[in-house]
């Protein structure tokens, strides 16, 4: 039977208008956008609210020094030249530890205890503070770093090591093993692996695509099952063919989902700008958390290729979800009908995650290339790989062609079985029965 797609635009317009008018869609849309808007400021407040300005005055006013090492002339005088610690008074601990602790808790919340110990030639500096008062762990950490630096300088000075010699001693030594050809020329082994930051960038795109496909597919299946259960589909079939009905619904739900996702992306950029107010140097969250060279491969061409790949992937999974929705007749058993859609999506996602982990560990290999080309996983992992510069143009072209071919095969399969399944009102159709229906039509 030859299917006609005439009328799909009418179905598209009708379905999209119904979705955009629904209260559930609007409430979900508002909640998602609000969550994204507050995400960056809240993260910035949690990360930087307790951070200190390097020149801020330390709340510590006195340090009791408990020195049990062989160095008896420790004075930390070089801290007097710093703005943050110049006011701190250092005093040897003249009473037992427990009595001093009680004294600090009851009367001197702004004082701390510095224990300096030595064991087998190794020195340890340990600061203790009262839980009450305005001294926080961040304050103690900053003071501890300054004390450690001062103590190291005193030790080096006592044994006659100059600043230049100390710098030379602390200079890291790097060894490198290279391979050469018979002429002595170095053989350059190209590193195709990605960094930890690039991995999380690829993972973020994968997660975004996964959420979009799941949201779109579920909405398509729910819409089809709802119309079947309310018998609205029987009136729609009077004017349009089943394939046109499905195409219109798929693209309508895809549009609705993309409106949500693009709005969330726009809200993310706004949220990122707002987060600068909570950063110490008034920089945005993304600029501080992500390396500056991460976006070197983001240009118009790569962005367009990513959009094409993501769009084709969402279309494929939406059609698969529409087919799954046609196998059930009641919303109560929709989850059972979506098993094929869910399992197929998870297969693609896990292959994509495996490829991303492989890229970070050992770089491009046969499995990564397979994941780039395999239509189930390509929409999840290839867009991120493109934006970090780990996918060539020929490989991207082959992946797009394979996705188009896969979608055409799926549409052909759907065209054979959809007209029979759209009016089905019995038990859920299984995958084996779908192939039987396809062959019999």
Protein backbone atom coordinates (compact mmCIF):
# COMPACT_ATOMS: atom_id res chain seq x y z
CA UNK A 1 0.00 0.00 0.00
CA UNK A 2 1.38 3.38 -0.99
CA UNK A 3 1.12 5.95 1.78
CA UNK A 4 0.24 9.58 1.18
CA UNK A 5 1.63 12.35 3.41
CA UNK A 6 -0.82 14.99 2.22
CA UNK A 7 -2.30 16.86 5.15
CA UNK A 8 0.64 16.48 7.53
CA UNK A 9 0.92 20.26 7.84
CA UNK A 10 -2.65 20.50 9.12
CA UNK A 11 -1.91 17.80 11.67
CA UNK A 12 1.29 19.62 12.61
CA UNK A 13 -0.48 22.96 13.17
CA UNK A 14 -3.36 21.39 15.10
CA UNK A 15 -1.12 19.26 17.36
CA UNK A 16 1.36 22.06 18.07
CA UNK A 17 -1.44 24.47 18.99
CA UNK A 18 -2.98 21.91 21.35
CA UNK A 19 0.35 21.21 23.04
CA UNK A 20 1.27 24.87 23.50
CA UNK A 21 -2.18 25.58 24.99
CA UNK A 22 -2.06 22.76 27.52
CA UNK A 23 -1.52 23.71 31.17
CA UNK A 24 0.87 20.82 31.76
CA UNK A 25 3.20 22.02 29.01
CA UNK A 26 3.14 25.62 30.21
CA UNK A 27 3.73 24.72 33.87
CA UNK A 28 6.60 22.39 32.93
CA UNK A 29 8.06 25.05 30.65
CA UNK A 30 7.99 27.73 33.38
CA UNK A 31 9.45 25.42 36.03
CA UNK A 32 12.30 24.28 33.79
CA UNK A 33 13.24 27.82 32.78
CA UNK A 34 13.12 29.05 36.38
CA UNK A 35 15.29 26.14 37.55
CA UNK A 36 17.92 26.94 34.92
CA UNK A 37 17.80 30.68 35.70
CA UNK A 38 18.63 30.16 39.37
CA UNK A 39 21.11 27.30 38.83
CA UNK A 40 24.21 29.38 38.12
CA UNK A 41 23.65 32.06 40.82
CA UNK A 42 23.02 29.37 43.44
CA UNK A 43 26.12 27.45 42.34
CA UNK A 44 28.17 30.64 42.42
CA UNK A 45 26.91 31.53 45.87
CA UNK A 46 27.74 28.06 47.19
CA UNK A 47 31.21 28.05 45.63
CA UNK A 48 32.31 31.61 46.24
CA UNK A 49 30.28 32.80 49.21
CA UNK A 50 32.86 31.37 51.61
CA UNK A 51 35.86 32.41 49.53
CA UNK A 52 38.10 35.16 50.83
CA UNK A 53 39.78 38.11 49.29
CA UNK A 54 43.53 37.55 49.43
CA UNK A 55 44.01 41.00 50.99
CA UNK A 56 41.11 40.70 53.43
CA UNK A 57 41.99 41.07 57.11
CA UNK A 58 42.12 37.70 58.84
CA UNK A 59 39.74 37.31 61.84
CA UNK A 60 42.57 35.54 63.74
CA UNK A 61 44.11 37.92 66.29
CA UNK A 62 46.48 35.63 68.20
CA UNK A 63 48.35 32.39 67.51
CA UNK A 64 49.59 30.25 70.39
CA UNK A 65 52.68 28.39 69.13
CA UNK A 66 53.36 24.90 70.48
CA UNK A 67 56.81 24.20 69.03
CA UNK A 68 58.26 20.75 69.76
CA UNK A 69 60.93 20.81 67.03
CA UNK A 70 64.67 21.50 67.17
CA UNK A 71 64.08 25.00 65.76
CA UNK A 72 63.77 27.28 68.78
CA UNK A 73 63.86 30.69 67.08
CA UNK A 74 60.67 30.47 65.02
CA UNK A 75 59.05 33.92 64.94
CA UNK A 76 57.08 34.23 61.63
CA UNK A 77 58.25 37.86 61.35
CA UNK A 78 57.87 37.92 57.58
CA UNK A 79 54.05 37.81 58.05
CA UNK A 80 54.27 41.36 59.40
CA UNK A 81 54.72 42.62 55.84
CA UNK A 82 51.39 41.13 54.69
CA UNK A 83 48.18 43.13 54.91
CA UNK A 84 46.05 40.18 55.99
CA UNK A 85 48.23 38.88 58.86
CA UNK A 86 50.25 41.86 60.05
CA UNK A 87 47.99 42.31 63.11
CA UNK A 88 48.36 38.72 64.36
CA UNK A 89 50.24 38.25 67.65
CA UNK A 90 52.37 35.10 68.04
CA UNK A 91 52.82 33.85 71.58
CA UNK A 92 54.52 30.68 72.86
CA UNK A 93 52.18 28.23 74.57
CA UNK A 94 53.02 28.50 78.28
CA UNK A 95 50.21 26.34 79.72
CA UNK A 96 49.07 22.80 79.11
CA UNK A 97 47.10 22.10 75.94
CA UNK A 98 43.71 21.29 77.53
CA UNK A 99 43.76 24.41 79.72
CA UNK A 100 44.62 26.58 76.73
CA UNK A 101 41.80 25.03 74.71
CA UNK A 102 39.31 25.82 77.48
CA UNK A 103 40.67 29.35 77.72
CA UNK A 104 40.24 29.92 73.96
CA UNK A 105 36.71 28.51 73.95
CA UNK A 106 35.60 30.62 76.91
CA UNK A 107 37.47 33.89 76.38
CA UNK A 108 39.44 34.10 73.10
CA UNK A 109 37.40 32.85 70.15
CA UNK A 110 39.66 34.85 67.84
CA UNK A 111 42.77 32.86 68.88
CA UNK A 112 44.10 29.60 67.44
CA UNK A 113 46.74 27.03 68.42
CA UNK A 114 49.65 26.18 66.09
CA UNK A 115 51.30 22.83 66.76
CA UNK A 116 54.69 22.37 65.08
CA UNK A 117 56.10 18.85 65.33
CA UNK A 118 59.02 16.93 63.84
CA UNK A 119 59.28 13.23 63.13
CA UNK A 120 61.99 11.45 61.12
CA UNK A 121 63.11 14.69 59.55
CA UNK A 122 59.58 15.63 58.45
CA UNK A 123 57.81 18.68 59.89
CA UNK A 124 54.08 19.07 60.50
CA UNK A 125 52.13 22.28 61.11
CA UNK A 126 48.63 21.87 62.53
CA UNK A 127 46.18 24.67 63.38
CA UNK A 128 43.31 24.25 65.86
CA UNK A 129 40.41 26.66 66.35
CA UNK A 130 37.27 27.00 68.42
CA UNK A 131 33.99 25.99 66.80
CA UNK A 132 32.44 29.14 68.21
CA UNK A 133 33.28 32.58 66.90
CA UNK A 134 33.88 34.08 63.47
CA UNK A 135 36.90 32.00 62.42
CA UNK A 136 35.98 29.59 59.62
CA UNK A 137 37.84 26.79 57.89
CA UNK A 138 38.56 29.04 54.89
CA UNK A 139 40.24 31.58 57.19
CA UNK A 140 42.33 28.85 58.80
CA UNK A 141 43.32 27.40 55.42
CA UNK A 142 44.59 30.77 54.20
CA UNK A 143 46.54 31.39 57.41
CA UNK A 144 47.95 27.85 57.28
CA UNK A 145 49.27 28.40 53.74
CA UNK A 146 51.00 31.61 54.85
CA UNK A 147 52.51 29.95 57.93
CA UNK A 148 53.79 27.00 55.89
CA UNK A 149 55.45 29.34 53.40
CA UNK A 150 57.04 31.34 56.22
CA UNK A 151 58.23 28.21 58.02
CA UNK A 152 59.78 26.84 54.80
CA UNK A 153 61.65 30.10 54.22
CA UNK A 154 62.98 30.02 57.81
CA UNK A 155 64.20 26.45 57.40
CA UNK A 156 65.97 27.23 54.14
CA UNK A 157 67.56 30.32 55.63
CA UNK A 158 68.81 28.36 58.65
CA UNK A 159 70.65 25.86 56.47
CA UNK A 160 72.03 28.53 54.13
CA UNK A 161 69.81 27.93 51.08
CA UNK A 162 69.11 31.13 49.12
CA UNK A 163 65.85 31.96 47.35
CA UNK A 164 67.44 31.23 43.98
CA UNK A 165 68.70 27.85 45.17
CA UNK A 166 65.31 27.01 46.67
CA UNK A 167 63.62 27.89 43.38
CA UNK A 168 66.07 25.65 41.56
CA UNK A 169 65.41 22.79 43.98
CA UNK A 170 61.64 23.14 43.52
CA UNK A 171 61.83 23.24 39.73
CA UNK A 172 60.11 20.09 38.38
CA UNK A 173 62.15 17.67 36.30
CA UNK A 174 60.31 16.27 33.27
CA UNK A 175 61.51 13.25 31.33
CA UNK A 176 60.38 12.50 27.80
CA UNK A 177 60.83 9.36 25.73
CA UNK A 178 60.62 9.79 21.96
CA UNK A 179 60.84 7.44 19.00
CA UNK A 180 62.92 8.25 15.95
CA UNK A 181 63.21 6.85 12.45
CA UNK A 182 66.42 5.53 10.88
CA UNK A 183 67.47 9.11 10.08
CA UNK A 184 67.14 10.21 13.69
CA UNK A 185 64.01 12.28 13.06
CA UNK A 186 61.43 12.24 15.83
CA UNK A 187 58.27 10.27 15.08
CA UNK A 188 55.37 12.39 16.28
CA UNK A 189 52.56 10.29 17.76
CA UNK A 190 49.41 12.38 17.53
CA UNK A 191 47.45 12.48 20.76
CA UNK A 192 43.75 12.05 19.97
CA UNK A 193 42.54 11.83 23.56
CA UNK A 194 40.44 14.51 25.20
CA UNK A 195 40.96 16.25 28.52
CA UNK A 196 38.82 15.87 31.62
CA UNK A 197 37.10 19.21 30.91
CA UNK A 198 36.42 18.23 27.29
CA UNK A 199 34.94 14.95 28.50
CA UNK A 200 32.42 16.76 30.70
CA UNK A 201 31.64 19.10 27.82
CA UNK A 202 30.87 16.10 25.57
CA UNK A 203 28.90 14.53 28.41
CA UNK A 204 26.84 17.70 28.87
CA UNK A 205 25.85 17.74 25.20
CA UNK A 206 25.05 14.01 25.35
CA UNK A 207 22.82 14.58 28.36
CA UNK A 208 21.06 17.50 26.63
CA UNK A 209 20.35 15.41 23.50
CA UNK A 210 19.17 12.49 25.63
CA UNK A 211 16.72 14.70 27.52
CA UNK A 212 15.41 16.16 24.27
CA UNK A 213 14.87 12.75 22.64
CA UNK A 214 13.19 11.33 25.73
CA UNK A 215 10.93 14.34 26.12
CA UNK A 216 9.97 14.45 22.46
CA UNK A 217 9.44 10.70 22.17
CA UNK A 218 7.28 10.50 25.29
CA UNK A 219 5.13 13.41 24.13
CA UNK A 220 4.63 11.84 20.69
CA UNK A 221 3.65 8.46 22.15
CA UNK A 222 1.34 10.06 24.73
CA UNK A 223 -0.42 12.15 22.08
CA UNK A 224 -1.02 9.12 19.84
CA UNK A 225 -2.32 6.93 22.67
CA UNK A 226 -4.57 9.75 23.95
CA UNK A 227 -6.18 10.21 20.53
CA UNK A 228 -6.63 6.45 20.16
CA UNK A 229 -8.25 6.09 23.57
CA UNK A 230 -10.59 9.05 22.95
CA UNK A 231 -11.33 7.87 19.37
CA UNK A 232 -10.27 11.27 17.97
CA UNK A 233 -7.92 9.45 15.62
CA UNK A 234 -10.90 7.95 13.76
CA UNK A 235 -12.03 11.44 12.76
CA UNK A 236 -8.51 12.46 11.78
CA UNK A 237 -8.13 9.42 9.53
CA UNK A 238 -11.08 10.61 7.44
CA UNK A 239 -9.00 13.42 5.92
CA UNK A 240 -5.36 12.28 6.28
CA UNK A 241 -3.43 9.07 5.89
CA UNK A 242 -1.85 7.41 8.95
CA UNK A 243 1.69 8.24 7.80
CA UNK A 244 0.80 11.92 7.36
CA UNK A 245 -0.80 11.85 10.80
CA UNK A 246 2.36 10.47 12.36
CA UNK A 247 4.70 12.86 10.51
CA UNK A 248 2.63 15.84 11.58
CA UNK A 249 2.63 14.71 15.21
CA UNK A 250 6.36 13.93 15.26
CA UNK A 251 7.35 17.36 13.97
CA UNK A 252 4.81 19.13 16.17
CA UNK A 253 6.14 17.47 19.31
CA UNK A 254 9.69 18.06 18.12
CA UNK A 255 8.92 21.76 17.76
CA UNK A 256 7.36 21.93 21.23
CA UNK A 257 10.33 20.15 22.79
CA UNK A 258 12.84 22.34 20.96
CA UNK A 259 11.04 25.46 22.21
CA UNK A 260 11.57 24.19 25.75
CA UNK A 261 15.19 23.21 25.21
CA UNK A 262 16.21 26.40 23.37
CA UNK A 263 14.51 28.47 26.06
CA UNK A 264 16.50 26.56 28.68
CA UNK A 265 19.73 27.26 26.75
CA UNK A 266 18.87 30.98 26.61
CA UNK A 267 18.04 30.90 30.33
CA UNK A 268 21.39 29.22 30.99
CA UNK A 269 23.28 32.08 29.32
CA UNK A 270 21.25 34.64 31.30
CA UNK A 271 21.88 32.67 34.49
CA UNK A 272 25.59 32.55 33.66
CA UNK A 273 25.69 36.35 33.32
CA UNK A 274 23.88 36.79 36.65
CA UNK A 275 26.35 34.44 38.36
CA UNK A 276 29.16 36.97 37.82
CA UNK A 277 27.79 38.98 40.75
CA UNK A 278 28.78 36.17 43.14
CA UNK A 279 32.29 35.60 41.78
CA UNK A 280 35.34 37.20 43.42
CA UNK A 281 36.62 38.70 40.15
CA UNK A 282 33.14 39.30 38.68
CA UNK A 283 33.65 36.56 36.10
CA UNK A 284 30.87 34.26 34.96
CA UNK A 285 30.60 30.73 36.29
CA UNK A 286 31.33 29.06 32.93
CA UNK A 287 34.43 31.19 32.37
CA UNK A 288 35.80 30.09 35.75
CA UNK A 289 34.80 26.42 35.63
CA UNK A 290 35.69 25.73 31.99
CA UNK A 291 39.13 26.11 30.36
CA UNK A 292 39.52 29.13 28.07
CA UNK A 293 40.61 26.98 25.10
CA UNK A 294 37.63 24.60 25.32
CA UNK A 295 35.58 26.51 22.74
CA UNK A 296 38.35 26.87 20.14
CA UNK A 297 36.55 24.56 17.67
CA UNK A 298 33.12 26.17 18.01
CA UNK A 299 32.36 27.96 14.76
CA UNK A 300 29.37 28.36 12.44
CA UNK A 301 30.16 25.27 10.34
CA UNK A 302 30.58 22.97 13.32
CA UNK A 303 27.47 24.36 14.99
CA UNK A 304 25.39 23.71 11.86
CA UNK A 305 26.72 20.16 11.59
CA UNK A 306 25.85 19.54 15.24
CA UNK A 307 22.33 20.90 14.77
CA UNK A 308 21.78 18.64 11.73
CA UNK A 309 23.00 15.55 13.62
CA UNK A 310 20.92 16.30 16.70
CA UNK A 311 17.82 17.05 14.62
CA UNK A 312 18.11 13.80 12.64
CA UNK A 313 18.62 11.83 15.85
CA UNK A 314 15.58 13.38 17.51
CA UNK A 315 13.46 12.68 14.42
CA UNK A 316 14.51 9.03 14.42
CA UNK A 317 13.73 8.49 18.10
CA UNK A 318 10.46 10.44 17.81
CA UNK A 319 9.29 8.21 14.94
CA UNK A 320 10.29 5.15 16.96
CA UNK A 321 8.29 6.48 19.92
CA UNK A 322 5.30 7.13 17.66
CA UNK A 323 5.43 3.55 16.46
CA UNK A 324 5.67 2.38 20.07
CA UNK A 325 2.67 4.52 20.99
CA UNK A 326 0.62 2.92 18.24
CA UNK A 327 1.12 -0.52 19.78
CA UNK A 328 -0.97 0.34 22.86
CA UNK A 329 -4.52 1.60 23.20
CA UNK A 330 -4.63 2.93 26.79
CA UNK A 331 -2.48 5.40 28.70
CA UNK A 332 -2.29 2.97 31.61
CA UNK A 333 -0.07 0.61 29.60
CA UNK A 334 1.94 3.28 27.78
CA UNK A 335 5.13 2.47 29.69
CA UNK A 336 4.95 -1.11 28.46
CA UNK A 337 4.60 0.06 24.89
CA UNK A 338 7.56 2.43 25.26
CA UNK A 339 9.91 -0.40 26.25
CA UNK A 340 11.37 -0.67 22.74
CA UNK A 341 11.86 3.10 22.54
CA UNK A 342 13.49 3.27 25.99
CA UNK A 343 15.80 0.32 25.41
CA UNK A 344 16.90 1.64 22.02
CA UNK A 345 17.61 5.07 23.50
CA UNK A 346 19.62 3.57 26.35
CA UNK A 347 21.68 1.49 23.93
CA UNK A 348 22.58 4.64 22.01
CA UNK A 349 23.33 6.60 25.19
CA UNK A 350 25.57 3.92 26.72
CA UNK A 351 27.50 3.44 23.49
CA UNK A 352 27.99 7.22 23.39
CA UNK A 353 29.17 7.27 27.02
CA UNK A 354 31.57 4.42 26.31
CA UNK A 355 33.00 6.31 23.34
CA UNK A 356 33.43 9.47 25.44
CA UNK A 357 35.29 7.52 28.14
CA UNK A 358 37.45 5.87 25.49
CA UNK A 359 38.27 9.27 23.99
CA UNK A 360 39.43 10.53 27.36
CA UNK A 361 41.44 7.41 28.11
CA UNK A 362 43.13 6.33 24.89
CA UNK A 363 41.83 8.60 22.13
CA UNK A 364 40.22 7.67 18.83
CA UNK A 365 40.05 3.97 18.01
CA UNK A 366 37.77 1.56 16.12
CA UNK A 367 35.09 1.59 18.84
CA UNK A 368 34.96 5.42 18.88
CA UNK A 369 34.62 5.54 15.09
CA UNK A 370 31.82 2.95 15.31
CA UNK A 371 30.01 5.08 17.91
CA UNK A 372 30.38 8.14 15.67
CA UNK A 373 28.83 6.31 12.71
CA UNK A 374 26.25 4.08 14.40
CA UNK A 375 22.87 5.85 13.96
CA UNK A 376 21.70 5.01 17.49
CA UNK A 377 24.71 6.57 19.24
CA UNK A 378 25.82 9.16 16.66
CA UNK A 379 23.35 11.90 17.75
CA UNK A 380 24.55 11.60 21.36
CA UNK A 381 28.35 11.58 21.09
CA UNK A 382 29.29 12.99 17.67
CA UNK A 383 28.07 16.61 18.23
CA UNK A 384 30.28 16.94 21.31
CA UNK A 385 33.22 15.33 19.49
CA UNK A 386 32.83 17.84 16.67
CA UNK A 387 32.92 20.80 19.06
CA UNK A 388 36.13 19.55 20.73
CA UNK A 389 37.79 18.89 17.37
CA UNK A 390 37.86 15.07 17.43
CA UNK A 391 35.76 14.33 14.30
CA UNK A 392 36.80 14.84 10.69
CA UNK A 393 34.49 16.19 7.98
CA UNK A 394 34.43 12.92 5.94
CA UNK A 395 33.43 10.97 9.05
CA UNK A 396 30.70 13.53 9.85
CA UNK A 397 29.38 13.28 6.30
CA UNK A 398 29.21 9.49 6.47
CA UNK A 399 27.41 9.69 9.81
CA UNK A 400 24.77 12.07 8.40
CA UNK A 401 24.20 9.84 5.36
CA UNK A 402 23.81 6.78 7.60
CA UNK A 403 21.34 8.61 9.82
CA UNK A 404 19.27 9.69 6.82
CA UNK A 405 19.28 6.12 5.47
CA UNK A 406 18.29 4.75 8.87
CA UNK A 407 15.42 7.23 9.14
CA UNK A 408 14.17 6.34 5.65
CA UNK A 409 14.25 2.64 6.52
CA UNK A 410 12.31 3.31 9.71
CA UNK A 411 9.75 5.42 7.87
CA UNK A 412 9.31 2.64 5.33
CA UNK A 413 8.77 0.14 8.12
CA UNK A 414 6.31 2.48 9.83
CA UNK A 415 4.44 3.07 6.59
CA UNK A 416 3.76 -0.65 6.36
CA UNK A 417 2.50 -1.21 9.88
CA UNK A 418 1.15 2.14 11.06
CA UNK A 419 -2.18 1.99 9.26
CA UNK A 420 -2.93 -1.33 10.93
CA UNK A 421 -1.71 -0.34 14.40
CA UNK A 422 -3.33 3.11 14.54
CA UNK A 423 -6.75 1.57 15.12
CA UNK A 424 -5.48 -1.25 17.32
CA UNK A 425 -7.31 -1.45 20.66
CA UNK A 426 -6.25 -4.82 22.08
CA UNK A 427 -3.16 -5.94 23.94
CA UNK A 428 0.25 -4.37 23.41
CA UNK A 429 1.83 -5.42 20.11
CA UNK A 430 5.23 -7.10 20.53
CA UNK A 431 8.28 -6.55 18.31
CA UNK A 432 7.99 -9.99 16.67
CA UNK A 433 4.37 -9.27 15.76
CA UNK A 434 5.37 -5.92 14.24
CA UNK A 435 7.63 -7.66 11.72
CA UNK A 436 4.84 -10.11 10.87
CA UNK A 437 2.48 -7.20 10.22
CA UNK A 438 5.11 -5.49 8.10
CA UNK A 439 5.53 -8.54 5.90
CA UNK A 440 1.79 -9.21 5.55
CA UNK A 441 0.80 -5.71 4.38
